[in-house]
Amino acid sequence: MTTGNISALAGLGDDARWLQFTAPIQPGNSGGPLVDASGDVVGVVTSKLSPLWAAKNIGDVPQNVNFALNASVIRDFLESRSVEYHTGGLAATIAVTELPGKVSGAVFPLQCIGTLEVKNTKANTVSRAEPPAVEKRPGVLFAGYGSPADSFQSIFLEVENTLTTDGIQIANKPSSMQQVNGDSASVQNLLNIAQRQGSDSLLYLTVEHGSTPTGHSGRLQCFDVATGKLLWSEKASSIGHWASTNQAAAKAVAEQLKKKIKEHAGKPGLPLR
């Protein structure tokens, strides 16, 4: 538990989805709550400005430039998945020493353990453990792959946020970014997964490097799960947009894809909630 102040009501590039705060954070703090003096959640800790990057690129080391997802985005996320929540104002402050006791009951550790490999001693071969039962979740299964990884993740999350904001039901389990690789990235494999969990459609995102270091291209394909038919496909590119960094290129691609998503909202493949 550390203390600090909200230093900005927006993140990099005046992105209103983020809050900037000064409380020191350490590796592993991502996902933890940012609370006010009453112990109410105002954000979820996500990242900090890299001192190594800053030292290399601007010749200075930033002090406590940290970011949290704004509570307004969290509310949209909860409402899109029909999760009840309570709101409150800064009615009464409590001592900092009492805050951990109030907050700790609502904080849980999550561990990603992957798929176990088990040895079949009889046949002397290695096989995959049986997958758990698939939870039935209607809606749109959103998945994809691409490089560079940070650009893909940025574009993926931007598109996912637009889906949520537009009221489109996402079949992915909450907080699971469905980035896939290798054989699992094939459309057919993902359609099989979507069929098993009862999803209505598959939204498939791919991101690729262009001919220049910051040249990015992205493609969204929407498939009907029942028939495997491609319902529609949209493309976007950072070419023609000012982009001196991978981050700027990813932003340009994301903005184009977000507009195209809005055009398809409520139409076949992207049902409103």
C-alpha atoms as a PDB file:
ATOM      1  CA  MET A   1       0.000   0.000   0.000  1.00  0.00           C
ATOM      2  CA  THR A   2       1.505   3.309  -1.071  1.00  0.00           C
ATOM      3  CA  THR A   3       0.139   6.843  -1.259  1.00  0.00           C
ATOM      4  CA  GLY A   4       0.266   9.564  -3.872  1.00  0.00           C
ATOM      5  CA  ASN A   5      -1.800  11.990  -5.904  1.00  0.00           C
ATOM      6  CA  ILE A   6      -3.713  12.064  -9.171  1.00  0.00           C
ATOM      7  CA  SER A   7      -1.404  14.166 -11.325  1.00  0.00           C
ATOM      8  CA  ALA A   8      -3.435  14.153 -14.566  1.00  0.00           C
ATOM      9  CA  LEU A   9      -6.966  13.201 -15.593  1.00  0.00           C
ATOM     10  CA  ALA A  10      -5.744  11.695 -18.864  1.00  0.00           C
ATOM     11  CA  GLY A  11      -2.932   9.459 -20.045  1.00  0.00           C
ATOM     12  CA  LEU A  12      -0.454   9.808 -22.887  1.00  0.00           C
ATOM     13  CA  GLY A  13      -1.848  11.728 -25.828  1.00  0.00           C
ATOM     14  CA  ASP A  14      -4.656  13.080 -23.609  1.00  0.00           C
ATOM     15  CA  ASP A  15      -6.290   9.633 -23.601  1.00  0.00           C
ATOM     16  CA  ALA A  16      -9.241  10.044 -21.195  1.00  0.00           C
ATOM     17  CA  ARG A  17      -9.406   6.317 -20.478  1.00  0.00           C
ATOM     18  CA  TRP A  18      -6.420   6.668 -18.160  1.00  0.00           C
ATOM     19  CA  LEU A  19      -5.492   8.489 -14.968  1.00  0.00           C
ATOM     20  CA  GLN A  20      -1.927   9.517 -14.182  1.00  0.00           C
ATOM     21  CA  PHE A  21      -0.860   9.194 -10.553  1.00  0.00           C
ATOM     22  CA  THR A  22       2.279   9.554  -8.430  1.00  0.00           C
ATOM     23  CA  ALA A  23       2.035   6.672  -5.939  1.00  0.00           C
ATOM     24  CA  PRO A  24       5.087   4.430  -6.574  1.00  0.00           C
ATOM     25  CA  ILE A  25       4.303   1.057  -8.144  1.00  0.00           C
ATOM     26  CA  GLN A  26       6.347  -2.105  -8.543  1.00  0.00           C
ATOM     27  CA  PRO A  27       6.283  -5.075 -10.942  1.00  0.00           C
ATOM     28  CA  GLY A  28       3.210  -7.107 -10.078  1.00  0.00           C
ATOM     29  CA  ASN A  29       1.055  -4.136  -9.077  1.00  0.00           C
ATOM     30  CA  SER A  30      -0.859  -4.179 -12.373  1.00  0.00           C
ATOM     31  CA  GLY A  31      -4.482  -5.076 -11.754  1.00  0.00           C
ATOM     32  CA  GLY A  32      -4.435  -3.628  -8.249  1.00  0.00           C
ATOM     33  CA  PRO A  33      -6.953  -0.968  -7.226  1.00  0.00           C
ATOM     34  CA  LEU A  34      -6.274   2.759  -7.107  1.00  0.00           C
ATOM     35  CA  VAL A  35      -8.477   4.043  -4.279  1.00  0.00           C
ATOM     36  CA  ASP A  36      -9.407   7.430  -2.872  1.00  0.00           C
ATOM     37  CA  ALA A  37      -9.204   8.518   0.759  1.00  0.00           C
ATOM     38  CA  SER A  38     -12.513   6.740   1.476  1.00  0.00           C
ATOM     39  CA  GLY A  39     -11.267   3.441   0.093  1.00  0.00           C
ATOM     40  CA  ASP A  40     -13.458   3.574  -3.029  1.00  0.00           C
ATOM     41  CA  VAL A  41     -11.924   2.412  -6.310  1.00  0.00           C
ATOM     42  CA  VAL A  42     -11.189   5.197  -8.803  1.00  0.00           C
ATOM     43  CA  GLY A  43      -9.005   3.160 -11.158  1.00  0.00           C
ATOM     44  CA  VAL A  44      -7.066  -0.037 -11.818  1.00  0.00           C
ATOM     45  CA  VAL A  45      -3.265   0.152 -11.924  1.00  0.00           C
ATOM     46  CA  THR A  46      -1.895  -0.770 -15.360  1.00  0.00           C
ATOM     47  CA  SER A  47       1.575   0.609 -16.092  1.00  0.00           C
ATOM     48  CA  LYS A  48       4.287   3.181 -15.579  1.00  0.00           C
ATOM     49  CA  LEU A  49       6.405   5.283 -17.911  1.00  0.00           C
ATOM     50  CA  SER A  50       9.606   3.327 -18.486  1.00  0.00           C
ATOM     51  CA  PRO A  51      12.614   5.138 -16.984  1.00  0.00           C
ATOM     52  CA  LEU A  52      14.957   3.200 -19.294  1.00  0.00           C
ATOM     53  CA  TRP A  53      13.026   4.328 -22.394  1.00  0.00           C
ATOM     54  CA  ALA A  54      12.866   7.915 -21.157  1.00  0.00           C
ATOM     55  CA  ALA A  55      16.564   8.033 -20.306  1.00  0.00           C
ATOM     56  CA  LYS A  56      17.437   6.760 -23.784  1.00  0.00           C
ATOM     57  CA  ASN A  57      14.980   8.895 -25.753  1.00  0.00           C
ATOM     58  CA  ILE A  58      14.656  12.165 -23.829  1.00  0.00           C
ATOM     59  CA  GLY A  59      17.779  12.110 -21.661  1.00  0.00           C
ATOM     60  CA  ASP A  60      15.930  12.300 -18.344  1.00  0.00           C
ATOM     61  CA  VAL A  61      14.391   9.897 -15.843  1.00  0.00           C
ATOM     62  CA  PRO A  62      10.703  10.557 -15.018  1.00  0.00           C
ATOM     63  CA  GLN A  63       9.587  10.472 -11.399  1.00  0.00           C
ATOM     64  CA  ASN A  64       6.452   8.509 -10.515  1.00  0.00           C
ATOM     65  CA  VAL A  65       4.650   8.784 -13.851  1.00  0.00           C
ATOM     66  CA  ASN A  66       2.207   5.917 -13.449  1.00  0.00           C
ATOM     67  CA  PHE A  67      -1.110   5.072 -15.095  1.00  0.00           C
ATOM     68  CA  ALA A  68      -4.405   3.504 -14.078  1.00  0.00           C
ATOM     69  CA  LEU A  69      -7.519   2.644 -16.049  1.00  0.00           C
ATOM     70  CA  ASN A  70     -10.218   5.202 -15.283  1.00  0.00           C
ATOM     71  CA  ALA A  71     -13.254   4.087 -13.250  1.00  0.00           C
ATOM     72  CA  SER A  72     -15.569   5.170 -16.103  1.00  0.00           C
ATOM     73  CA  VAL A  73     -14.034   2.528 -18.381  1.00  0.00           C
ATOM     74  CA  ILE A  74     -14.330  -0.071 -15.636  1.00  0.00           C
ATOM     75  CA  ARG A  75     -18.021   0.755 -15.237  1.00  0.00           C
ATOM     76  CA  ASP A  76     -18.583   0.253 -18.985  1.00  0.00           C
ATOM     77  CA  PHE A  77     -16.809  -3.091 -18.762  1.00  0.00           C
ATOM     78  CA  LEU A  78     -18.896  -4.268 -15.800  1.00  0.00           C
ATOM     79  CA  GLU A  79     -22.172  -3.136 -17.355  1.00  0.00           C
ATOM     80  CA  SER A  80     -21.365  -4.875 -20.651  1.00  0.00           C
ATOM     81  CA  ARG A  81     -21.120  -8.145 -18.704  1.00  0.00           C
ATOM     82  CA  SER A  82     -24.108  -7.498 -16.402  1.00  0.00           C
ATOM     83  CA  VAL A  83     -21.960  -7.264 -13.276  1.00  0.00           C
ATOM     84  CA  GLU A  84     -23.554  -5.274 -10.466  1.00  0.00           C
ATOM     85  CA  TYR A  85     -21.517  -2.617  -8.688  1.00  0.00           C
ATOM     86  CA  HIS A  86     -22.002   0.198  -6.209  1.00  0.00           C
ATOM     87  CA  THR A  87     -20.877   3.807  -6.483  1.00  0.00           C
ATOM     88  CA  GLY A  88     -20.028   6.254  -3.733  1.00  0.00           C
ATOM     89  CA  GLY A  89     -18.711   9.724  -3.195  1.00  0.00           C
ATOM     90  CA  LEU A  90     -15.900  10.955  -1.002  1.00  0.00           C
ATOM     91  CA  ALA A  91     -18.211  11.007   2.027  1.00  0.00           C
ATOM     92  CA  ALA A  92     -15.637  10.511   4.767  1.00  0.00           C
ATOM     93  CA  THR A  93     -11.907   9.916   4.685  1.00  0.00           C
ATOM     94  CA  ILE A  94     -10.253   7.222   6.754  1.00  0.00           C
ATOM     95  CA  ALA A  95      -6.704   6.896   7.992  1.00  0.00           C
ATOM     96  CA  VAL A  96      -4.200   5.564   5.457  1.00  0.00           C
ATOM     97  CA  THR A  97      -3.303   2.788   7.893  1.00  0.00           C
ATOM     98  CA  GLU A  98      -6.924   1.562   7.733  1.00  0.00           C
ATOM     99  CA  LEU A  99      -7.196   1.532   3.937  1.00  0.00           C
ATOM    100  CA  PRO A 100      -5.507  -1.874   3.424  1.00  0.00           C
ATOM    101  CA  GLY A 101      -7.999  -3.494   5.766  1.00  0.00           C
ATOM    102  CA  LYS A 102     -10.934  -2.065   3.822  1.00  0.00           C
ATOM    103  CA  VAL A 103      -9.553  -2.883   0.374  1.00  0.00           C
ATOM    104  CA  SER A 104      -7.822  -6.245   0.862  1.00  0.00           C
ATOM    105  CA  GLY A 105     -11.085  -8.209   1.020  1.00  0.00           C
ATOM    106  CA  ALA A 106     -11.839  -7.274  -2.581  1.00  0.00           C
ATOM    107  CA  VAL A 107      -8.387  -8.030  -4.024  1.00  0.00           C
ATOM    108  CA  PHE A 108      -7.585 -11.516  -5.266  1.00  0.00           C
ATOM    109  CA  PRO A 109      -4.447 -12.983  -6.879  1.00  0.00           C
ATOM    110  CA  LEU A 110      -4.801 -14.464 -10.366  1.00  0.00           C
ATOM    111  CA  GLN A 111      -2.301 -16.920 -11.787  1.00  0.00           C
ATOM    112  CA  CYS A 112      -2.039 -18.034 -15.415  1.00  0.00           C
ATOM    113  CA  ILE A 113      -0.972 -21.694 -15.405  1.00  0.00           C
ATOM    114  CA  GLY A 114      -1.397 -22.643 -19.085  1.00  0.00           C
ATOM    115  CA  THR A 115      -2.076 -26.178 -20.311  1.00  0.00           C
ATOM    116  CA  LEU A 116      -0.340 -28.983 -18.486  1.00  0.00           C
ATOM    117  CA  GLU A 117       1.628 -31.620 -20.332  1.00  0.00           C
ATOM    118  CA  VAL A 118       1.259 -35.088 -18.831  1.00  0.00           C
ATOM    119  CA  LYS A 119       3.263 -38.195 -19.607  1.00  0.00           C
ATOM    120  CA  ASN A 120       1.498 -41.347 -20.734  1.00  0.00           C
ATOM    121  CA  THR A 121       3.681 -43.997 -19.085  1.00  0.00           C
ATOM    122  CA  LYS A 122       2.034 -46.914 -20.878  1.00  0.00           C
ATOM    123  CA  ALA A 123       2.693 -45.684 -24.397  1.00  0.00           C
ATOM    124  CA  ASN A 124       5.840 -43.759 -23.416  1.00  0.00           C
ATOM    125  CA  THR A 125       4.540 -40.648 -25.198  1.00  0.00           C
ATOM    126  CA  VAL A 126       3.762 -37.089 -24.186  1.00  0.00           C
ATOM    127  CA  SER A 127       0.198 -35.871 -24.598  1.00  0.00           C
ATOM    128  CA  ARG A 128      -1.852 -32.856 -23.633  1.00  0.00           C
ATOM    129  CA  ALA A 129      -3.977 -32.986 -20.530  1.00  0.00           C
ATOM    130  CA  GLU A 130      -7.727 -33.044 -21.150  1.00  0.00           C
ATOM    131  CA  PRO A 131      -9.000 -29.468 -21.541  1.00  0.00           C
ATOM    132  CA  PRO A 132     -11.567 -28.274 -19.014  1.00  0.00           C
ATOM    133  CA  ALA A 133     -15.224 -28.086 -19.949  1.00  0.00           C
ATOM    134  CA  VAL A 134     -15.946 -25.074 -22.147  1.00  0.00           C
ATOM    135  CA  GLU A 135     -18.190 -22.474 -20.550  1.00  0.00           C
ATOM    136  CA  LYS A 136     -21.168 -21.583 -22.726  1.00  0.00           C
ATOM    137  CA  ARG A 137     -20.868 -17.922 -23.697  1.00  0.00           C
ATOM    138  CA  PRO A 138     -22.903 -16.392 -26.537  1.00  0.00           C
ATOM    139  CA  GLY A 139     -21.798 -13.247 -28.325  1.00  0.00           C
ATOM    140  CA  VAL A 140     -18.693 -12.398 -30.324  1.00  0.00           C
ATOM    141  CA  LEU A 141     -15.463 -14.338 -29.763  1.00  0.00           C
ATOM    142  CA  PHE A 142     -12.696 -11.767 -30.309  1.00  0.00           C
ATOM    143  CA  ALA A 143      -9.264 -13.204 -31.101  1.00  0.00           C
ATOM    144  CA  GLY A 144      -6.226 -12.656 -33.277  1.00  0.00           C
ATOM    145  CA  TYR A 145      -2.473 -12.407 -33.657  1.00  0.00           C
ATOM    146  CA  GLY A 146       0.148 -10.041 -35.028  1.00  0.00           C
ATOM    147  CA  SER A 147       3.451  -8.251 -34.637  1.00  0.00           C
ATOM    148  CA  PRO A 148       5.021  -6.317 -33.133  1.00  0.00           C
ATOM    149  CA  ALA A 149       3.391  -7.729 -30.019  1.00  0.00           C
ATOM    150  CA  ASP A 150       2.976  -4.389 -28.230  1.00  0.00           C
ATOM    151  CA  SER A 151       1.280  -2.863 -31.290  1.00  0.00           C
ATOM    152  CA  PHE A 152      -1.040  -5.834 -31.606  1.00  0.00           C
ATOM    153  CA  GLN A 153      -1.997  -5.619 -27.951  1.00  0.00           C
ATOM    154  CA  SER A 154      -2.618  -1.891 -28.197  1.00  0.00           C
ATOM    155  CA  ILE A 155      -4.853  -2.259 -31.261  1.00  0.00           C
ATOM    156  CA  PHE A 156      -6.633  -5.273 -29.771  1.00  0.00           C
ATOM    157  CA  LEU A 157      -7.510  -3.428 -26.561  1.00  0.00           C
ATOM    158  CA  GLU A 158      -8.655  -0.324 -28.465  1.00  0.00           C
ATOM    159  CA  VAL A 159     -11.008  -2.409 -30.599  1.00  0.00           C
ATOM    160  CA  GLU A 160     -12.214  -4.381 -27.580  1.00  0.00           C
ATOM    161  CA  ASN A 161     -13.037  -1.149 -25.770  1.00  0.00           C
ATOM    162  CA  THR A 162     -15.073   0.017 -28.780  1.00  0.00           C
ATOM    163  CA  LEU A 163     -16.975  -3.278 -28.830  1.00  0.00           C
ATOM    164  CA  THR A 164     -17.818  -2.867 -25.159  1.00  0.00           C
ATOM    165  CA  THR A 165     -18.760   0.800 -25.519  1.00  0.00           C
ATOM    166  CA  ASP A 166     -21.083   0.004 -28.435  1.00  0.00           C
ATOM    167  CA  GLY A 167     -22.872  -2.610 -26.325  1.00  0.00           C
ATOM    168  CA  ILE A 168     -21.650  -5.605 -28.321  1.00  0.00           C
ATOM    169  CA  GLN A 169     -21.658  -8.778 -26.274  1.00  0.00           C
ATOM    170  CA  ILE A 170     -18.166 -10.305 -26.106  1.00  0.00           C
ATOM    171  CA  ALA A 171     -17.976 -14.053 -25.562  1.00  0.00           C
ATOM    172  CA  ASN A 172     -14.412 -13.985 -24.225  1.00  0.00           C
ATOM    173  CA  LYS A 173     -14.167 -14.582 -20.536  1.00  0.00           C
ATOM    174  CA  PRO A 174     -13.749 -11.282 -18.680  1.00  0.00           C
ATOM    175  CA  SER A 175     -10.197  -9.927 -18.747  1.00  0.00           C
ATOM    176  CA  SER A 176      -8.946 -12.627 -21.147  1.00  0.00           C
ATOM    177  CA  MET A 177      -7.150 -11.263 -24.195  1.00  0.00           C
ATOM    178  CA  GLN A 178      -7.501 -13.968 -26.806  1.00  0.00           C
ATOM    179  CA  GLN A 179      -4.149 -13.574 -28.559  1.00  0.00           C
ATOM    180  CA  VAL A 180      -3.299 -16.850 -30.279  1.00  0.00           C
ATOM    181  CA  ASN A 181      -0.275 -18.238 -32.096  1.00  0.00           C
ATOM    182  CA  GLY A 182       0.696 -21.010 -34.461  1.00  0.00           C
ATOM    183  CA  ASP A 183      -1.947 -23.574 -35.391  1.00  0.00           C
ATOM    184  CA  SER A 184      -4.318 -22.175 -32.795  1.00  0.00           C
ATOM    185  CA  ALA A 185      -4.417 -18.925 -34.795  1.00  0.00           C
ATOM    186  CA  SER A 186      -6.205 -20.601 -37.697  1.00  0.00           C
ATOM    187  CA  VAL A 187      -9.710 -19.394 -38.376  1.00  0.00           C
ATOM    188  CA  GLN A 188     -11.062 -22.932 -38.426  1.00  0.00           C
ATOM    189  CA  ASN A 189      -9.631 -23.756 -35.008  1.00  0.00           C
ATOM    190  CA  LEU A 190     -11.113 -20.588 -33.541  1.00  0.00           C
ATOM    191  CA  LEU A 191     -14.476 -21.334 -35.184  1.00  0.00           C
ATOM    192  CA  ASN A 192     -14.403 -24.749 -33.528  1.00  0.00           C
ATOM    193  CA  ILE A 193     -13.765 -23.107 -30.151  1.00  0.00           C
ATOM    194  CA  ALA A 194     -16.570 -20.638 -30.783  1.00  0.00           C
ATOM    195  CA  GLN A 195     -18.959 -23.449 -31.709  1.00  0.00           C
ATOM    196  CA  ARG A 196     -18.146 -25.383 -28.533  1.00  0.00           C
ATOM    197  CA  GLN A 197     -18.833 -22.381 -26.331  1.00  0.00           C
ATOM    198  CA  GLY A 198     -21.949 -21.310 -28.194  1.00  0.00           C
ATOM    199  CA  SER A 199     -20.618 -18.046 -29.623  1.00  0.00           C
ATOM    200  CA  ASP A 200     -22.544 -16.345 -32.418  1.00  0.00           C
ATOM    201  CA  SER A 201     -19.608 -15.024 -34.438  1.00  0.00           C
ATOM    202  CA  LEU A 202     -15.824 -14.759 -34.574  1.00  0.00           C
ATOM    203  CA  LEU A 203     -14.068 -11.400 -34.898  1.00  0.00           C
ATOM    204  CA  TYR A 204     -10.540 -12.094 -36.126  1.00  0.00           C
ATOM    205  CA  LEU A 205      -7.861  -9.385 -35.887  1.00  0.00           C
ATOM    206  CA  THR A 206      -4.478  -9.565 -37.594  1.00  0.00           C
ATOM    207  CA  VAL A 207      -1.711  -6.940 -37.436  1.00  0.00           C
ATOM    208  CA  GLU A 208       1.383  -6.856 -39.656  1.00  0.00           C
ATOM    209  CA  HIS A 209       4.506  -4.753 -40.175  1.00  0.00           C
ATOM    210  CA  GLY A 210       4.544  -2.664 -43.316  1.00  0.00           C
ATOM    211  CA  SER A 211       7.446  -1.783 -45.569  1.00  0.00           C
ATOM    212  CA  THR A 212       8.698   0.881 -43.136  1.00  0.00           C
ATOM    213  CA  PRO A 213       9.629   0.421 -39.454  1.00  0.00           C
ATOM    214  CA  THR A 214       6.453   2.174 -38.292  1.00  0.00           C
ATOM    215  CA  GLY A 215       4.250   1.023 -41.164  1.00  0.00           C
ATOM    216  CA  HIS A 216       1.450  -1.082 -39.697  1.00  0.00           C
ATOM    217  CA  SER A 217      -1.575  -2.691 -41.283  1.00  0.00           C
ATOM    218  CA  GLY A 218      -4.522  -4.327 -39.606  1.00  0.00           C
ATOM    219  CA  ARG A 219      -7.439  -6.427 -40.766  1.00  0.00           C
ATOM    220  CA  LEU A 220     -10.716  -7.344 -39.079  1.00  0.00           C
ATOM    221  CA  GLN A 221     -12.700 -10.316 -40.356  1.00  0.00           C
ATOM    222  CA  CYS A 222     -16.083 -11.321 -39.000  1.00  0.00           C
ATOM    223  CA  PHE A 223     -17.223 -14.936 -39.450  1.00  0.00           C
ATOM    224  CA  ASP A 224     -20.568 -16.568 -38.790  1.00  0.00           C
ATOM    225  CA  VAL A 225     -19.818 -19.431 -36.393  1.00  0.00           C
ATOM    226  CA  ALA A 226     -22.674 -21.687 -37.507  1.00  0.00           C
ATOM    227  CA  THR A 227     -21.724 -21.684 -41.194  1.00  0.00           C
ATOM    228  CA  GLY A 228     -18.085 -20.539 -41.150  1.00  0.00           C
ATOM    229  CA  LYS A 229     -19.050 -17.912 -43.735  1.00  0.00           C
ATOM    230  CA  LEU A 230     -17.092 -14.642 -43.888  1.00  0.00           C
ATOM    231  CA  LEU A 231     -19.654 -11.923 -43.142  1.00  0.00           C
ATOM    232  CA  TRP A 232     -17.401  -8.930 -43.775  1.00  0.00           C
ATOM    233  CA  SER A 233     -13.772  -7.812 -43.804  1.00  0.00           C
ATOM    234  CA  GLU A 234     -12.208  -4.405 -43.118  1.00  0.00           C
ATOM    235  CA  LYS A 235      -8.624  -3.167 -43.489  1.00  0.00           C
ATOM    236  CA  ALA A 236      -6.628  -0.290 -42.007  1.00  0.00           C
ATOM    237  CA  SER A 237      -3.112   1.076 -42.475  1.00  0.00           C
ATOM    238  CA  SER A 238      -0.818   3.675 -40.920  1.00  0.00           C
ATOM    239  CA  ILE A 239       0.378   4.693 -44.397  1.00  0.00           C
ATOM    240  CA  GLY A 240      -0.606   8.281 -45.035  1.00  0.00           C
ATOM    241  CA  HIS A 241      -0.786   9.031 -41.313  1.00  0.00           C
ATOM    242  CA  TRP A 242       1.960  10.796 -39.402  1.00  0.00           C
ATOM    243  CA  ALA A 243       3.558   8.037 -37.356  1.00  0.00           C
ATOM    244  CA  SER A 244       7.132   8.313 -36.112  1.00  0.00           C
ATOM    245  CA  THR A 245       6.809   5.461 -33.604  1.00  0.00           C
ATOM    246  CA  ASN A 246       5.210   2.027 -33.419  1.00  0.00           C
ATOM    247  CA  GLN A 247       2.823   3.431 -30.840  1.00  0.00           C
ATOM    248  CA  ALA A 248       1.647   6.176 -33.198  1.00  0.00           C
ATOM    249  CA  ALA A 249       1.293   3.689 -36.062  1.00  0.00           C
ATOM    250  CA  ALA A 250      -0.758   1.347 -33.880  1.00  0.00           C
ATOM    251  CA  LYS A 251      -2.951   4.269 -32.815  1.00  0.00           C
ATOM    252  CA  ALA A 252      -3.621   5.215 -36.446  1.00  0.00           C
ATOM    253  CA  VAL A 253      -4.636   1.650 -37.332  1.00  0.00           C
ATOM    254  CA  ALA A 254      -6.769   1.313 -34.204  1.00  0.00           C
ATOM    255  CA  GLU A 255      -8.678   4.531 -34.871  1.00  0.00           C
ATOM    256  CA  GLN A 256      -9.571   3.399 -38.393  1.00  0.00           C
ATOM    257  CA  LEU A 257     -10.711  -0.040 -37.245  1.00  0.00           C
ATOM    258  CA  LYS A 258     -12.773   1.471 -34.415  1.00  0.00           C
ATOM    259  CA  LYS A 259     -14.709   3.602 -36.923  1.00  0.00           C
ATOM    260  CA  LYS A 260     -15.326   0.572 -39.114  1.00  0.00           C
ATOM    261  CA  ILE A 261     -16.577  -1.415 -36.086  1.00  0.00           C
ATOM    262  CA  LYS A 262     -19.146   1.295 -35.377  1.00  0.00           C
ATOM    263  CA  GLU A 263     -20.447   0.961 -38.942  1.00  0.00           C
ATOM    264  CA  HIS A 264     -21.093  -2.756 -38.384  1.00  0.00           C
ATOM    265  CA  ALA A 265     -22.500  -2.561 -34.842  1.00  0.00           C
ATOM    266  CA  GLY A 266     -25.923  -4.198 -34.657  1.00  0.00           C
ATOM    267  CA  LYS A 267     -25.535  -5.832 -38.058  1.00  0.00           C
ATOM    268  CA  PRO A 268     -24.961  -9.561 -38.698  1.00  0.00           C
ATOM    269  CA  GLY A 269     -21.978 -10.796 -36.744  1.00  0.00           C
ATOM    270  CA  LEU A 270     -21.873  -7.951 -34.241  1.00  0.00           C
ATOM    271  CA  PRO A 271     -25.169  -8.130 -32.323  1.00  0.00           C
ATOM    272  CA  LEU A 272     -25.950  -5.449 -29.783  1.00  0.00           C
ATOM    273  CA  ARG A 273     -26.442  -6.632 -26.226  1.00  0.00           C
END
